[in-house]
Amino acid sequence: MKNAYDIIIRPIMTEKTAGLMEDGKIVFRVQKSATKHDVREAIESLFNVKVDAVNTMRHPGRSRRFGRFTGWRNGYKKAVVTLAPGQSIDLFAMEGPGAEGSGEAGE
């Protein structure tokens, strides 16, 4: 297995994913080369929860214009992780850069 911190890039927080969280589903942006098995192992090791299912989807890059030049935005892959009944992940209480007590400026 690859490093779990390299596989999971960040959670995706939108109105739609907030509704999915009520059903025990959490959406993450993941590495493009990650498989469902990699995502399952990474979530279980990072958050100490039991995962029932993982659904992945790839979003292709979109064409963008910069004046008279055209270019492409990067595509990405996201994973919808279904947790086992009774399991939960509190994404708002996670510690990391910018969390209280992390020694950041402004204290």
N, C-alpha and C. Protein backbone atom coordinates (compact mmCIF):
# COMPACT_ATOMS: atom_id res chain seq x y z
N MET A 1 0.84 -1.19 0.00
CA MET A 1 0.00 0.00 0.00
C MET A 1 0.88 1.25 0.00
N LYS A 2 0.46 2.24 -0.71
CA LYS A 2 1.15 3.52 -0.72
C LYS A 2 0.89 4.23 0.60
N ASN A 3 1.58 5.34 0.83
CA ASN A 3 1.37 6.12 2.03
C ASN A 3 -0.05 6.68 2.04
N ALA A 4 -0.77 6.52 3.14
CA ALA A 4 -2.16 6.94 3.23
C ALA A 4 -2.31 8.45 3.05
N TYR A 5 -1.31 9.21 3.49
CA TYR A 5 -1.37 10.66 3.36
C TYR A 5 -1.19 11.11 1.92
N ASP A 6 -0.56 10.28 1.10
CA ASP A 6 -0.40 10.59 -0.31
C ASP A 6 -1.66 10.23 -1.11
N ILE A 7 -2.39 9.23 -0.67
CA ILE A 7 -3.59 8.78 -1.39
C ILE A 7 -4.75 9.74 -1.18
N ILE A 8 -5.02 10.11 0.07
CA ILE A 8 -6.12 11.01 0.38
C ILE A 8 -5.61 12.44 0.30
N ILE A 9 -6.16 13.22 -0.63
CA ILE A 9 -5.70 14.60 -0.80
C ILE A 9 -6.45 15.53 0.15
N ARG A 10 -7.78 15.50 0.09
CA ARG A 10 -8.58 16.35 0.99
C ARG A 10 -10.03 15.92 0.90
N PRO A 11 -10.83 16.22 1.93
CA PRO A 11 -12.27 15.98 1.82
C PRO A 11 -12.93 17.04 0.94
N ILE A 12 -14.00 16.68 0.29
CA ILE A 12 -14.75 17.62 -0.55
C ILE A 12 -15.99 18.02 0.23
N MET A 13 -16.11 19.31 0.54
CA MET A 13 -17.24 19.80 1.33
C MET A 13 -18.12 20.69 0.47
N THR A 14 -19.29 20.20 0.12
CA THR A 14 -20.30 20.97 -0.61
C THR A 14 -21.65 20.69 0.03
N GLU A 15 -22.69 21.34 -0.46
CA GLU A 15 -24.03 21.06 0.06
C GLU A 15 -24.42 19.62 -0.21
N LYS A 16 -24.08 19.13 -1.39
CA LYS A 16 -24.44 17.77 -1.75
C LYS A 16 -23.71 16.75 -0.87
N THR A 17 -22.41 16.97 -0.62
CA THR A 17 -21.67 16.03 0.21
C THR A 17 -22.10 16.12 1.68
N ALA A 18 -22.57 17.29 2.11
CA ALA A 18 -23.08 17.41 3.48
C ALA A 18 -24.33 16.55 3.64
N GLY A 19 -25.16 16.49 2.61
CA GLY A 19 -26.33 15.62 2.64
C GLY A 19 -25.94 14.15 2.64
N LEU A 20 -24.87 13.80 1.92
CA LEU A 20 -24.40 12.42 1.90
C LEU A 20 -23.82 12.01 3.25
N MET A 21 -23.24 12.98 3.99
CA MET A 21 -22.67 12.66 5.30
C MET A 21 -23.73 12.17 6.27
N GLU A 22 -24.97 12.63 6.10
CA GLU A 22 -26.05 12.16 6.96
C GLU A 22 -26.35 10.68 6.72
N ASP A 23 -26.03 10.19 5.51
CA ASP A 23 -26.24 8.78 5.17
C ASP A 23 -25.01 7.93 5.44
N GLY A 24 -23.98 8.52 6.05
CA GLY A 24 -22.76 7.78 6.35
C GLY A 24 -21.80 7.69 5.18
N LYS A 25 -21.92 8.61 4.23
CA LYS A 25 -21.02 8.63 3.07
C LYS A 25 -20.19 9.91 3.12
N ILE A 26 -18.89 9.76 2.91
CA ILE A 26 -17.98 10.90 2.94
C ILE A 26 -17.21 10.93 1.63
N VAL A 27 -17.03 12.13 1.08
CA VAL A 27 -16.40 12.28 -0.23
C VAL A 27 -15.01 12.87 -0.06
N PHE A 28 -14.03 12.24 -0.71
CA PHE A 28 -12.64 12.69 -0.66
C PHE A 28 -12.09 12.85 -2.06
N ARG A 29 -11.21 13.84 -2.23
CA ARG A 29 -10.43 13.93 -3.46
C ARG A 29 -9.21 13.05 -3.25
N VAL A 30 -8.94 12.15 -4.19
CA VAL A 30 -7.87 11.17 -4.02
C VAL A 30 -6.89 11.25 -5.19
N GLN A 31 -5.76 10.60 -5.02
CA GLN A 31 -4.74 10.54 -6.04
C GLN A 31 -5.30 9.83 -7.28
N LYS A 32 -4.93 10.29 -8.46
CA LYS A 32 -5.48 9.72 -9.70
C LYS A 32 -5.18 8.24 -9.86
N SER A 33 -4.03 7.80 -9.39
CA SER A 33 -3.64 6.41 -9.58
C SER A 33 -4.14 5.49 -8.46
N ALA A 34 -4.85 6.02 -7.49
CA ALA A 34 -5.31 5.21 -6.35
C ALA A 34 -6.46 4.30 -6.77
N THR A 35 -6.43 3.07 -6.30
CA THR A 35 -7.50 2.12 -6.55
C THR A 35 -8.48 2.15 -5.38
N LYS A 36 -9.63 1.48 -5.55
CA LYS A 36 -10.61 1.42 -4.47
C LYS A 36 -10.01 0.75 -3.24
N HIS A 37 -9.21 -0.28 -3.47
CA HIS A 37 -8.58 -0.99 -2.36
C HIS A 37 -7.62 -0.07 -1.61
N ASP A 38 -6.84 0.75 -2.35
CA ASP A 38 -5.92 1.70 -1.72
C ASP A 38 -6.69 2.72 -0.87
N VAL A 39 -7.80 3.23 -1.41
CA VAL A 39 -8.60 4.23 -0.69
C VAL A 39 -9.18 3.62 0.58
N ARG A 40 -9.71 2.40 0.49
CA ARG A 40 -10.27 1.72 1.66
C ARG A 40 -9.22 1.58 2.76
N GLU A 41 -8.04 1.09 2.42
CA GLU A 41 -6.99 0.90 3.43
C GLU A 41 -6.53 2.23 4.02
N ALA A 42 -6.45 3.26 3.19
CA ALA A 42 -6.00 4.57 3.67
C ALA A 42 -7.01 5.17 4.66
N ILE A 43 -8.30 5.11 4.34
CA ILE A 43 -9.34 5.65 5.22
C ILE A 43 -9.38 4.87 6.53
N GLU A 44 -9.30 3.55 6.45
CA GLU A 44 -9.35 2.74 7.68
C GLU A 44 -8.15 2.99 8.57
N SER A 45 -6.97 3.23 7.98
CA SER A 45 -5.79 3.47 8.81
C SER A 45 -5.74 4.89 9.35
N LEU A 46 -6.19 5.88 8.57
CA LEU A 46 -6.13 7.27 9.02
C LEU A 46 -7.17 7.60 10.08
N PHE A 47 -8.39 7.08 9.91
CA PHE A 47 -9.49 7.48 10.79
C PHE A 47 -9.96 6.39 11.74
N ASN A 48 -9.37 5.20 11.68
CA ASN A 48 -9.74 4.07 12.55
C ASN A 48 -11.24 3.76 12.48
N VAL A 49 -11.75 3.61 11.27
CA VAL A 49 -13.15 3.27 11.04
C VAL A 49 -13.22 2.07 10.12
N LYS A 50 -14.42 1.47 10.03
CA LYS A 50 -14.68 0.34 9.13
C LYS A 50 -15.39 0.87 7.90
N VAL A 51 -14.87 0.56 6.72
CA VAL A 51 -15.43 1.02 5.46
C VAL A 51 -16.24 -0.10 4.83
N ASP A 52 -17.49 0.20 4.44
CA ASP A 52 -18.33 -0.78 3.76
C ASP A 52 -18.07 -0.80 2.26
N ALA A 53 -18.02 0.37 1.62
CA ALA A 53 -17.87 0.43 0.17
C ALA A 53 -17.12 1.69 -0.23
N VAL A 54 -16.49 1.61 -1.39
CA VAL A 54 -15.80 2.76 -1.98
C VAL A 54 -16.23 2.86 -3.44
N ASN A 55 -16.74 4.01 -3.82
CA ASN A 55 -17.07 4.29 -5.22
C ASN A 55 -16.17 5.42 -5.69
N THR A 56 -15.52 5.21 -6.84
CA THR A 56 -14.62 6.23 -7.37
C THR A 56 -15.13 6.74 -8.71
N MET A 57 -14.76 7.98 -9.00
CA MET A 57 -15.09 8.56 -10.30
C MET A 57 -13.99 9.53 -10.70
N ARG A 58 -13.75 9.61 -12.00
CA ARG A 58 -12.73 10.50 -12.53
C ARG A 58 -13.39 11.66 -13.23
N HIS A 59 -12.92 12.85 -12.95
CA HIS A 59 -13.41 14.05 -13.61
C HIS A 59 -12.33 14.51 -14.59
N PRO A 60 -12.66 14.60 -15.87
CA PRO A 60 -11.65 15.03 -16.83
C PRO A 60 -11.34 16.52 -16.69
N GLY A 61 -10.18 16.90 -17.17
CA GLY A 61 -9.82 18.31 -17.16
C GLY A 61 -10.71 19.09 -18.13
N ARG A 62 -10.94 20.36 -17.80
CA ARG A 62 -11.79 21.19 -18.65
C ARG A 62 -10.94 22.16 -19.45
N SER A 63 -11.44 22.53 -20.61
CA SER A 63 -10.75 23.50 -21.45
C SER A 63 -11.00 24.90 -20.89
N ARG A 64 -9.94 25.68 -20.83
CA ARG A 64 -10.04 27.05 -20.34
C ARG A 64 -9.34 27.99 -21.31
N ARG A 65 -9.84 29.22 -21.40
CA ARG A 65 -9.21 30.22 -22.25
C ARG A 65 -8.50 31.25 -21.40
N PHE A 66 -7.31 31.62 -21.82
CA PHE A 66 -6.54 32.68 -21.18
C PHE A 66 -6.25 33.70 -22.27
N GLY A 67 -7.15 34.65 -22.45
CA GLY A 67 -7.01 35.59 -23.56
C GLY A 67 -7.22 34.87 -24.87
N ARG A 68 -6.22 34.90 -25.72
CA ARG A 68 -6.36 34.20 -26.99
C ARG A 68 -5.78 32.80 -26.95
N PHE A 69 -5.26 32.38 -25.82
CA PHE A 69 -4.67 31.06 -25.68
C PHE A 69 -5.66 30.11 -25.00
N THR A 70 -5.63 28.86 -25.42
CA THR A 70 -6.46 27.85 -24.76
C THR A 70 -5.56 26.90 -23.99
N GLY A 71 -6.08 26.41 -22.89
CA GLY A 71 -5.33 25.47 -22.07
C GLY A 71 -6.29 24.51 -21.41
N TRP A 72 -5.76 23.68 -20.54
CA TRP A 72 -6.58 22.67 -19.86
C TRP A 72 -6.38 22.77 -18.36
N ARG A 73 -7.49 22.68 -17.63
CA ARG A 73 -7.41 22.55 -16.17
C ARG A 73 -7.12 21.09 -15.86
N ASN A 74 -6.53 20.84 -14.73
CA ASN A 74 -6.22 19.47 -14.35
C ASN A 74 -7.49 18.70 -13.99
N GLY A 75 -7.55 17.45 -14.38
CA GLY A 75 -8.62 16.57 -13.96
C GLY A 75 -8.30 16.02 -12.58
N TYR A 76 -9.27 15.36 -11.97
CA TYR A 76 -9.04 14.79 -10.65
C TYR A 76 -9.92 13.55 -10.47
N LYS A 77 -9.68 12.84 -9.39
CA LYS A 77 -10.43 11.64 -9.04
C LYS A 77 -11.01 11.84 -7.66
N LYS A 78 -12.26 11.44 -7.47
CA LYS A 78 -12.85 11.53 -6.14
C LYS A 78 -13.43 10.19 -5.75
N ALA A 79 -13.53 9.97 -4.46
CA ALA A 79 -14.02 8.72 -3.92
C ALA A 79 -15.13 8.99 -2.92
N VAL A 80 -16.24 8.27 -3.07
CA VAL A 80 -17.34 8.33 -2.11
C VAL A 80 -17.19 7.10 -1.22
N VAL A 81 -16.89 7.32 0.05
CA VAL A 81 -16.62 6.25 1.00
C VAL A 81 -17.85 6.04 1.87
N THR A 82 -18.40 4.83 1.85
CA THR A 82 -19.54 4.48 2.69
C THR A 82 -19.02 3.79 3.94
N LEU A 83 -19.32 4.37 5.09
CA LEU A 83 -18.86 3.81 6.36
C LEU A 83 -19.83 2.75 6.86
N ALA A 84 -19.33 1.84 7.67
CA ALA A 84 -20.17 0.81 8.28
C ALA A 84 -21.16 1.47 9.24
N PRO A 85 -22.31 0.84 9.47
CA PRO A 85 -23.29 1.42 10.40
C PRO A 85 -22.67 1.63 11.79
N GLY A 86 -22.93 2.80 12.35
CA GLY A 86 -22.39 3.14 13.67
C GLY A 86 -21.03 3.82 13.62
N GLN A 87 -20.41 3.87 12.46
CA GLN A 87 -19.10 4.52 12.31
C GLN A 87 -19.30 5.95 11.83
N SER A 88 -18.39 6.84 12.19
CA SER A 88 -18.48 8.22 11.73
C SER A 88 -17.09 8.85 11.76
N ILE A 89 -16.93 9.88 10.93
CA ILE A 89 -15.70 10.67 10.88
C ILE A 89 -16.11 12.12 11.08
N ASP A 90 -15.52 12.79 12.07
CA ASP A 90 -15.82 14.20 12.30
C ASP A 90 -14.74 15.02 11.61
N LEU A 91 -15.04 15.46 10.38
CA LEU A 91 -14.05 16.20 9.59
C LEU A 91 -13.78 17.58 10.15
N PHE A 92 -14.71 18.14 10.91
CA PHE A 92 -14.54 19.50 11.43
C PHE A 92 -13.67 19.54 12.68
N ALA A 93 -13.42 18.41 13.32
CA ALA A 93 -12.61 18.37 14.54
C ALA A 93 -11.21 17.83 14.26
N MET A 94 -10.84 17.68 12.99
CA MET A 94 -9.54 17.15 12.65
C MET A 94 -8.45 18.15 12.99
N GLU A 95 -7.30 17.64 13.41
CA GLU A 95 -6.16 18.50 13.69
C GLU A 95 -5.28 18.54 12.46
N GLY A 96 -4.59 19.64 12.30
CA GLY A 96 -3.69 19.79 11.17
C GLY A 96 -3.27 21.23 11.05
N PRO A 97 -2.68 21.60 9.92
CA PRO A 97 -2.27 22.99 9.74
C PRO A 97 -3.46 23.93 9.86
N GLY A 98 -3.31 24.95 10.66
CA GLY A 98 -4.40 25.91 10.84
C GLY A 98 -5.32 25.58 12.00
N ALA A 99 -5.15 24.40 12.61
CA ALA A 99 -5.99 24.03 13.75
C ALA A 99 -5.50 24.79 14.99
N GLU A 100 -6.37 24.93 15.97
CA GLU A 100 -6.01 25.64 17.19
C GLU A 100 -4.87 24.89 17.90
N GLY A 101 -3.94 25.67 18.42
CA GLY A 101 -2.83 25.08 19.18
C GLY A 101 -1.74 24.52 18.30
N SER A 102 -1.74 24.81 17.01
CA SER A 102 -0.72 24.25 16.14
C SER A 102 0.49 25.17 16.02
N GLY A 103 0.48 26.30 16.74
CA GLY A 103 1.63 27.20 16.72
C GLY A 103 1.62 28.15 15.54
N GLU A 104 0.50 28.30 14.89
CA GLU A 104 0.40 29.20 13.74
C GLU A 104 0.40 30.65 14.22
N ALA A 105 0.64 31.57 13.32
CA ALA A 105 0.63 32.98 13.65
C ALA A 105 -0.76 33.42 14.06
N GLY A 106 -0.83 34.42 14.91
CA GLY A 106 -2.13 34.94 15.34
C GLY A 106 -2.54 34.46 16.71
N GLU A 107 -1.62 33.74 17.37
CA GLU A 107 -1.96 33.28 18.73
C GLU A 107 -1.47 34.26 19.74
